[in-house]
Amino acid sequence: MKVVILGSAHPLRGGLASYNERLARAYIEQGHKVLIYTFSLQYPSFLFPGTTQYSDQPIPDDLFIHVKVNSVNPFNWWQVGKEIAALQADLLLVKFWLPFMGPCLGTIARLVRKNGKTKVISIIDNIIPHEKRPGDFTLAKYFVNSVDGFIAMSESVLGDLNKFDASKPKLYSPHPLFDNFGEAVKKNEAYEKLGLAINEEHLLFFGFIRDYKGLDLLLHAMSDERIRQMHVKLIVAGEFYSDPKPYLELIKELKLEDKLILRTDFIADDEVRYYFCAADMVVQPYKHATQSGVTQICYYFDRPMLVTNVGGLPEMVPHGKVGYVVAPEAKAIADAIVDFYVNHQEFKMRDTIKIEKKKYAWTEMLDKIEALRRMTS
C-alpha cells in the first residue's frame, strides 16, 4: 500500500512524534511505501507551555518526512489537502489528540477523501481533552465528521467517541510498545550515567509535568513516614508544562528535598533508557487519563509500574502482576510503594511483564488498522 501519516514528526519532538515515526517504520518493515506530513507550525508560541517544540536530534535518514502543515493557516490546509489527495494513497492515518487541531486536520482529511480512493482513519489519543477549553466539543466534532473510522488506544476513548458519532466504525487497539529508545542497560550502568548513588533505590515519575498527572499526589505519598525511613528516592524526569511554583513550594513544605532528584529539563530520546533502567518502579499517579505512552516504555524496559484507576490506565496494568492499580490518593500510592519494597516485588513483576508485553506488538496495531480499513470499504 501507499500510506500517508499526518501528524507530529521530526523536527518536532515528544511522544507524538516518536509514535508517528515508529508507526511509519512498522509499515515500512511490511514493505509498504510511507510518507509523513508533519507541521511547519504545530502550536503558536503563546499556546506552547514548554521551552521548545523542536528536537535537537538528527533528521531520521530512513523516513520521508514533509514539513508542510501550518495548524493555523486555512490556505495551507487547502494546499496540503490537495497535495495529499493527489498522491492517491490507499490510506491516510491521522493522529488526533487535541480539539485545537480539529479544523486543520479535519479540513485536510475532507479534501483527501474527495479523491475517491484514500481511506482516512484516525488514531485517537484523546477526543475529550484532559484540560478543557471553550469550543472543545465543536472542534472535535468537526474532526470526527471528516474521517472514515477510528482506532482508539483505550476502551475509555472508544466510549467517548460514541458521544460524537455512534455509527462510524471504530476499534480498540492498545498503544504498542515504545521500542525506539535503544536497548536496555544494566541498572548499575544507568546509575553511573545519571550520577545516582549506588546504595539507594529509585522510583521514577516520567514525562511532561501537567497538573492532571498528579505529581502533587506522589509528593505527598513520598512524605509518608514509612517511605521517609527507606533508602528510596524519587526521580522526577520531565519538563514542566504547568507552573512549577506550586510543586517547588510543596516540596519545601513537605521537606522532601533529600528524597527527590529533579531532572526537569526535556529528556532526549537517547537518554530515556537510562532513566527507565535506573528505576525499580515507574509511578503514574494521574488524576484523570485515557492511556499513556509511558506505560508502553515501561513494558519495553521490563519495569513494574504503579498507576491510578482512572481512564484507560487499569486496562494496561494487571494489578499485582506487572504493577499496582490504586486510587488517585496519596495514602493508596504510598501503601503500594511500601508493599513493593517490603515484599520485594520487583523481579517477580518483571518476569510477568516479559510475558504480558507480547500482546503490544506493532503488528497488532497494523492488523487492527487494516481490519478497520476493510470495514470502511
Protein backbone atom coordinates (compact mmCIF):
# COMPACT_ATOMS: atom_id res chain seq x y z
CA MET A 1 0.00 0.00 0.00
CA LYS A 2 0.85 3.66 -0.17
CA VAL A 3 0.35 5.07 3.35
CA VAL A 4 0.41 8.72 4.42
CA ILE A 5 0.71 9.65 8.10
CA LEU A 6 -0.49 13.12 9.09
CA GLY A 7 0.79 14.38 12.44
CA SER A 8 3.81 15.28 14.53
CA ALA A 9 7.26 14.08 13.43
CA HIS A 10 10.81 15.40 13.20
CA PRO A 11 11.82 18.23 13.55
CA LEU A 12 9.18 18.24 16.30
CA ARG A 13 9.94 16.35 19.48
CA GLY A 14 7.99 14.39 22.08
CA GLY A 15 5.81 11.31 22.34
CA LEU A 16 3.52 12.12 19.41
CA ALA A 17 6.47 12.48 17.05
CA SER A 18 8.06 9.29 18.37
CA TYR A 19 4.79 7.41 17.88
CA ASN A 20 4.26 8.52 14.29
CA GLU A 21 7.83 7.78 13.30
CA ARG A 22 7.65 4.31 14.85
CA LEU A 23 4.31 3.68 13.12
CA ALA A 24 5.89 4.61 9.78
CA ARG A 25 8.73 2.15 10.37
CA ALA A 26 6.23 -0.62 11.20
CA TYR A 27 4.61 -0.14 7.78
CA ILE A 28 7.97 0.07 6.03
CA GLU A 29 9.01 -3.22 7.67
CA GLN A 30 5.97 -4.81 5.99
CA GLY A 31 7.00 -3.49 2.58
CA HIS A 32 4.62 -0.53 2.27
CA LYS A 33 5.53 2.92 0.98
CA VAL A 34 5.12 5.57 3.68
CA LEU A 35 5.15 9.37 3.67
CA ILE A 36 4.76 11.56 6.75
CA TYR A 37 3.29 15.05 6.58
CA THR A 38 4.19 16.98 9.70
CA PHE A 39 3.85 20.52 10.98
CA SER A 40 5.91 23.51 9.94
CA LEU A 41 3.91 25.20 12.71
CA GLN A 42 2.28 22.90 15.27
CA TYR A 43 1.40 25.36 18.04
CA PRO A 44 1.69 29.15 18.07
CA SER A 45 4.37 30.01 20.62
CA PHE A 46 1.89 31.54 23.08
CA LEU A 47 0.00 28.22 23.25
CA PHE A 48 3.08 26.08 23.85
CA PRO A 49 3.93 25.61 27.54
CA GLY A 50 7.46 24.17 27.18
CA THR A 51 10.83 25.64 26.23
CA THR A 52 10.89 24.49 22.61
CA GLN A 53 8.80 22.38 20.27
CA TYR A 54 11.79 21.24 18.26
CA SER A 55 14.20 18.33 18.51
CA ASP A 56 17.98 18.64 18.50
CA GLN A 57 18.31 15.08 17.20
CA PRO A 58 19.46 14.41 13.62
CA ILE A 59 16.89 14.00 10.83
CA PRO A 60 15.83 10.32 10.54
CA ASP A 61 17.50 9.04 7.37
CA ASP A 62 15.09 6.14 6.92
CA LEU A 63 11.87 8.17 6.73
CA PHE A 64 10.32 10.51 4.16
CA ILE A 65 9.03 13.49 6.15
CA HIS A 66 7.40 16.54 4.53
CA VAL A 67 7.40 19.55 6.87
CA LYS A 68 4.42 21.42 5.42
CA VAL A 69 1.38 21.70 7.71
CA ASN A 70 0.54 25.01 9.38
CA SER A 71 -2.04 24.43 12.12
CA VAL A 72 -3.49 27.97 11.97
CA ASN A 73 -3.45 28.80 8.25
CA PRO A 74 -6.59 27.69 6.32
CA PHE A 75 -4.92 28.39 2.97
CA ASN A 76 -2.19 25.94 3.95
CA TRP A 77 -4.78 23.29 4.90
CA TRP A 78 -6.30 23.52 1.43
CA GLN A 79 -2.89 23.29 -0.24
CA VAL A 80 -1.74 20.31 1.83
CA GLY A 81 -5.10 18.55 1.47
CA LYS A 82 -4.99 18.85 -2.32
CA GLU A 83 -1.38 17.65 -2.37
CA ILE A 84 -2.08 14.54 -0.30
CA ALA A 85 -5.26 13.83 -2.27
CA ALA A 86 -3.23 13.86 -5.50
CA LEU A 87 -0.97 11.11 -4.14
CA GLN A 88 -3.89 8.65 -4.44
CA ALA A 89 -2.72 6.84 -1.32
CA ASP A 90 -4.57 3.79 -0.07
CA LEU A 91 -4.61 5.07 3.49
CA LEU A 92 -4.28 8.35 5.36
CA LEU A 93 -3.63 7.90 9.09
CA VAL A 94 -4.30 10.97 11.23
CA LYS A 95 -3.07 11.12 14.83
CA PHE A 96 -5.58 13.18 16.86
CA TRP A 97 -5.01 14.34 20.41
CA LEU A 98 -6.36 17.87 20.85
CA PRO A 99 -9.53 19.72 19.70
CA PHE A 100 -7.39 22.73 18.73
CA MET A 101 -6.14 20.60 15.81
CA GLY A 102 -9.68 19.77 14.64
CA PRO A 103 -10.06 22.47 11.97
CA CYS A 104 -6.63 21.88 10.44
CA LEU A 105 -6.66 18.08 10.42
CA GLY A 106 -10.38 17.88 9.66
CA THR A 107 -10.12 20.15 6.62
CA ILE A 108 -7.16 18.24 5.21
CA ALA A 109 -8.96 14.92 5.75
CA ARG A 110 -12.09 16.17 3.97
CA LEU A 111 -10.08 17.23 0.92
CA VAL A 112 -8.22 13.92 0.79
CA ARG A 113 -11.41 11.84 0.96
CA LYS A 114 -12.72 13.62 -2.13
CA ASN A 115 -10.23 11.74 -4.33
CA GLY A 116 -12.48 8.68 -4.12
CA LYS A 117 -9.65 6.30 -3.20
CA THR A 118 -7.94 7.18 0.06
CA LYS A 119 -9.48 5.86 3.27
CA VAL A 120 -8.97 8.19 6.23
CA ILE A 121 -8.51 6.57 9.64
CA SER A 122 -7.74 8.46 12.82
CA ILE A 123 -5.71 7.03 15.69
CA ILE A 124 -7.20 8.76 18.72
CA ASP A 125 -5.21 9.57 21.85
CA ASN A 126 -7.97 11.71 23.37
CA ILE A 127 -11.19 13.04 21.93
CA ILE A 128 -12.16 14.81 25.19
CA PRO A 129 -9.07 16.70 26.38
CA HIS A 130 -7.58 16.47 29.87
CA GLU A 131 -7.58 20.25 30.21
CA LYS A 132 -10.90 21.51 28.86
CA ARG A 133 -11.39 24.78 26.96
CA PRO A 134 -14.43 26.52 25.44
CA GLY A 135 -15.29 25.17 22.00
CA ASP A 136 -13.63 21.76 22.52
CA PHE A 137 -16.72 19.75 21.56
CA THR A 138 -17.39 21.74 18.38
CA LEU A 139 -13.78 21.50 17.19
CA ALA A 140 -13.55 17.78 17.95
CA LYS A 141 -16.91 17.14 16.26
CA TYR A 142 -15.68 18.88 13.10
CA PHE A 143 -12.73 16.48 13.01
CA VAL A 144 -14.80 13.37 13.79
CA ASN A 145 -17.07 14.14 10.83
CA SER A 146 -14.10 14.24 8.46
CA VAL A 147 -12.80 10.66 8.73
CA ASP A 148 -13.97 7.15 7.81
CA GLY A 149 -13.16 5.32 11.03
CA PHE A 150 -11.27 5.34 14.30
CA ILE A 151 -8.66 3.39 16.23
CA ALA A 152 -8.96 4.19 19.94
CA MET A 153 -6.00 3.28 22.14
CA SER A 154 -8.13 2.80 25.24
CA GLU A 155 -11.62 1.49 25.93
CA SER A 156 -12.49 4.77 27.65
CA VAL A 157 -11.72 6.76 24.49
CA LEU A 158 -13.71 4.25 22.46
CA GLY A 159 -16.69 5.08 24.67
CA ASP A 160 -16.04 8.81 24.41
CA LEU A 161 -16.12 8.61 20.62
CA ASN A 162 -19.74 7.44 20.72
CA LYS A 163 -20.68 10.84 22.17
CA PHE A 164 -19.55 12.36 18.87
CA ASP A 165 -20.55 9.64 16.37
CA ALA A 166 -22.14 6.30 17.18
CA SER A 167 -22.29 4.96 13.62
CA LYS A 168 -18.80 5.17 12.13
CA PRO A 169 -16.66 2.02 12.54
CA LYS A 170 -14.24 2.11 15.42
CA LEU A 171 -11.93 -0.44 17.03
CA TYR A 172 -9.87 -0.60 20.20
CA SER A 173 -6.18 -1.32 19.84
CA PRO A 174 -3.88 -0.54 22.78
CA HIS A 175 -0.80 1.62 22.44
CA PRO A 176 2.01 -0.60 21.11
CA LEU A 177 5.41 -0.84 22.78
CA PHE A 178 7.62 2.21 22.59
CA ASP A 179 10.66 0.23 21.48
CA ASN A 180 12.55 3.05 19.78
CA PHE A 181 14.63 4.31 22.71
CA GLY A 182 17.51 1.87 22.38
CA GLU A 183 18.37 -1.34 24.15
CA ALA A 184 18.11 -1.75 27.90
CA VAL A 185 21.23 -1.30 30.00
CA LYS A 186 22.12 -2.82 33.37
CA LYS A 187 20.96 -0.86 36.39
CA ASN A 188 24.48 -0.04 37.56
CA GLU A 189 25.31 1.42 34.13
CA ALA A 190 22.18 3.58 34.27
CA TYR A 191 23.12 4.73 37.79
CA GLU A 192 26.57 5.74 36.60
CA LYS A 193 25.22 7.56 33.54
CA LEU A 194 22.75 9.56 35.66
CA GLY A 195 25.08 10.11 38.61
CA LEU A 196 22.91 8.20 41.09
CA ALA A 197 24.07 6.77 44.42
CA ILE A 198 24.53 3.01 44.16
CA ASN A 199 23.31 2.45 47.75
CA GLU A 200 19.86 3.97 47.08
CA GLU A 201 16.74 2.73 45.33
CA HIS A 202 14.77 4.80 42.87
CA LEU A 203 11.21 5.43 41.76
CA LEU A 204 10.55 7.33 38.53
CA PHE A 205 7.96 9.90 37.51
CA PHE A 206 8.50 10.45 33.79
CA GLY A 207 7.13 12.83 31.18
CA PHE A 208 5.85 16.36 30.79
CA ILE A 209 4.60 17.68 34.14
CA ARG A 210 0.98 18.78 33.87
CA ASP A 211 -1.45 19.18 36.75
CA TYR A 212 -3.69 16.25 35.71
CA LYS A 213 -0.72 13.88 36.01
CA GLY A 214 -0.86 14.07 39.81
CA LEU A 215 2.76 14.74 40.75
CA ASP A 216 1.43 16.52 43.84
CA LEU A 217 -0.21 13.25 44.97
CA LEU A 218 3.09 11.44 44.56
CA LEU A 219 4.95 14.11 46.52
CA HIS A 220 2.50 13.69 49.41
CA ALA A 221 3.00 9.91 49.16
CA MET A 222 6.78 10.37 49.36
CA SER A 223 6.28 12.26 52.64
CA ASP A 224 4.73 9.15 54.24
CA GLU A 225 6.79 8.31 57.30
CA ARG A 226 7.29 4.70 56.17
CA ILE A 227 8.85 5.87 52.90
CA ARG A 228 10.95 8.51 54.65
CA GLN A 229 12.63 5.66 56.54
CA MET A 230 13.55 3.83 53.31
CA HIS A 231 16.60 4.45 51.16
CA VAL A 232 14.30 5.36 48.29
CA LYS A 233 14.41 8.48 46.16
CA LEU A 234 12.01 9.73 43.52
CA ILE A 235 13.41 10.84 40.17
CA VAL A 236 11.19 13.45 38.52
CA ALA A 237 12.27 13.41 34.88
CA GLY A 238 10.45 15.73 32.51
CA GLU A 239 9.80 19.33 31.62
CA PHE A 240 7.25 21.46 33.47
CA TYR A 241 4.23 22.16 31.27
CA SER A 242 2.42 23.61 34.28
CA ASP A 243 3.56 26.35 36.64
CA PRO A 244 6.44 24.82 38.64
CA LYS A 245 5.99 27.16 41.61
CA PRO A 246 3.26 25.15 43.45
CA TYR A 247 5.30 21.96 43.12
CA LEU A 248 8.51 23.54 44.36
CA GLU A 249 6.65 25.09 47.29
CA LEU A 250 5.09 21.73 48.14
CA ILE A 251 8.50 20.04 48.09
CA LYS A 252 9.76 22.65 50.55
CA GLU A 253 6.65 22.41 52.73
CA LEU A 254 6.91 18.60 52.95
CA LYS A 255 10.70 18.77 53.47
CA LEU A 256 11.32 16.39 50.59
CA GLU A 257 14.50 17.91 49.20
CA ASP A 258 16.59 14.90 50.23
CA LYS A 259 14.05 12.41 48.80
CA LEU A 260 13.91 13.84 45.27
CA ILE A 261 16.12 14.05 42.21
CA LEU A 262 14.73 16.73 39.89
CA ARG A 263 15.67 16.45 36.23
CA THR A 264 13.08 18.88 34.91
CA ASP A 265 14.54 19.59 31.50
CA PHE A 266 13.30 17.84 28.39
CA ILE A 267 14.62 14.26 28.33
CA ALA A 268 16.10 13.50 24.90
CA ASP A 269 15.27 10.18 23.24
CA ASP A 270 18.81 8.85 23.66
CA GLU A 271 18.64 9.42 27.44
CA VAL A 272 15.24 7.79 28.07
CA ARG A 273 16.57 4.26 28.54
CA TYR A 274 18.87 5.29 31.37
CA TYR A 275 16.00 6.71 33.43
CA PHE A 276 13.82 3.63 32.98
CA CYS A 277 16.64 1.17 33.56
CA ALA A 278 17.64 3.00 36.75
CA ALA A 279 14.11 2.80 38.14
CA ASP A 280 12.78 0.00 40.34
CA MET A 281 9.23 1.09 39.51
CA VAL A 282 7.61 3.87 37.44
CA VAL A 283 4.76 5.79 39.07
CA GLN A 284 1.91 7.39 37.09
CA PRO A 285 -0.33 9.00 39.74
CA TYR A 286 -2.72 10.57 37.22
CA LYS A 287 -5.89 12.29 38.41
CA HIS A 288 -7.56 11.52 35.08
CA ALA A 289 -6.27 9.92 31.90
CA THR A 290 -7.11 7.98 28.76
CA GLN A 291 -3.96 5.99 28.07
CA SER A 292 -0.26 6.68 28.40
CA GLY A 293 2.77 6.04 26.25
CA VAL A 294 4.83 5.90 29.46
CA THR A 295 3.22 2.56 30.26
CA GLN A 296 4.48 1.16 26.97
CA ILE A 297 8.01 2.35 27.66
CA CYS A 298 7.78 0.51 30.99
CA TYR A 299 6.75 -2.68 29.20
CA TYR A 300 9.61 -2.39 26.74
CA PHE A 301 12.21 -1.98 29.52
CA ASP A 302 10.53 -4.58 31.79
CA ARG A 303 9.79 -2.07 34.52
CA PRO A 304 6.95 -2.50 37.05
CA MET A 305 4.52 0.39 37.19
CA LEU A 306 2.10 1.97 39.61
CA VAL A 307 -0.93 3.63 38.01
CA THR A 308 -4.15 5.09 39.33
CA ASN A 309 -7.55 3.64 38.47
CA VAL A 310 -8.54 6.40 36.06
CA GLY A 311 -9.38 6.27 32.35
CA GLY A 312 -7.69 3.52 30.38
CA LEU A 313 -4.67 3.06 32.65
CA PRO A 314 -6.03 -0.02 34.50
CA GLU A 315 -6.61 -1.75 31.14
CA MET A 316 -2.86 -1.88 30.61
CA VAL A 317 -1.66 -2.86 34.09
CA PRO A 318 -2.94 -6.13 35.59
CA HIS A 319 -2.94 -5.35 39.31
CA GLY A 320 -0.47 -7.33 41.39
CA LYS A 321 1.13 -8.89 38.31
CA VAL A 322 3.01 -6.18 36.43
CA GLY A 323 2.41 -3.42 38.95
CA TYR A 324 -0.27 -1.74 41.01
CA VAL A 325 -3.60 -0.08 40.26
CA VAL A 326 -4.64 2.19 43.13
CA ALA A 327 -7.00 5.07 43.89
CA PRO A 328 -5.66 8.54 42.99
CA GLU A 329 -4.92 9.28 46.63
CA ALA A 330 -1.58 9.83 48.37
CA LYS A 331 -2.19 7.13 51.02
CA ALA A 332 -3.05 4.47 48.43
CA ILE A 333 0.04 5.36 46.39
CA ALA A 334 2.24 5.22 49.49
CA ASP A 335 0.79 1.84 50.53
CA ALA A 336 1.66 0.36 47.12
CA ILE A 337 5.21 1.74 47.22
CA VAL A 338 5.73 0.25 50.67
CA ASP A 339 4.37 -3.14 49.56
CA PHE A 340 6.63 -3.08 46.50
CA TYR A 341 9.79 -2.68 48.54
CA VAL A 342 8.91 -4.56 51.73
CA ASN A 343 7.73 -7.63 49.81
CA HIS A 344 10.49 -7.46 47.19
CA GLN A 345 8.12 -7.41 44.21
CA GLU A 346 10.43 -6.02 41.52
CA PHE A 347 11.83 -9.15 39.94
CA LYS A 348 8.63 -11.17 40.23
CA MET A 349 6.75 -8.43 38.40
CA ARG A 350 9.47 -8.06 35.78
CA ASP A 351 9.16 -11.75 34.93
CA THR A 352 5.41 -11.31 34.37
CA ILE A 353 5.95 -8.19 32.26
CA LYS A 354 8.09 -10.17 29.81
CA ILE A 355 5.07 -12.37 29.10
CA GLU A 356 2.37 -9.68 29.23
CA LYS A 357 4.08 -7.30 26.80
CA LYS A 358 3.88 -9.72 23.89
CA LYS A 359 0.30 -8.53 23.20
CA TYR A 360 1.54 -5.00 22.44
CA ALA A 361 3.41 -5.69 19.20
CA TRP A 362 3.20 -3.08 16.42
CA THR A 363 1.92 -5.76 14.06
CA GLU A 364 -1.20 -5.97 16.25
CA MET A 365 -1.88 -2.27 15.68
CA LEU A 366 -1.35 -2.60 11.92
CA ASP A 367 -3.69 -5.59 11.79
CA LYS A 368 -6.43 -3.57 13.54
CA ILE A 369 -5.94 -0.65 11.16
CA GLU A 370 -6.23 -2.98 8.17
CA ALA A 371 -9.38 -4.57 9.60
CA LEU A 372 -10.88 -1.13 10.04
CA ARG A 373 -9.88 -0.09 6.51
CA ARG A 374 -11.75 -3.08 5.13
CA MET A 375 -14.79 -2.22 7.27
CA THR A 376 -14.91 1.24 5.66
CA SER A 377 -14.75 -0.09 2.08
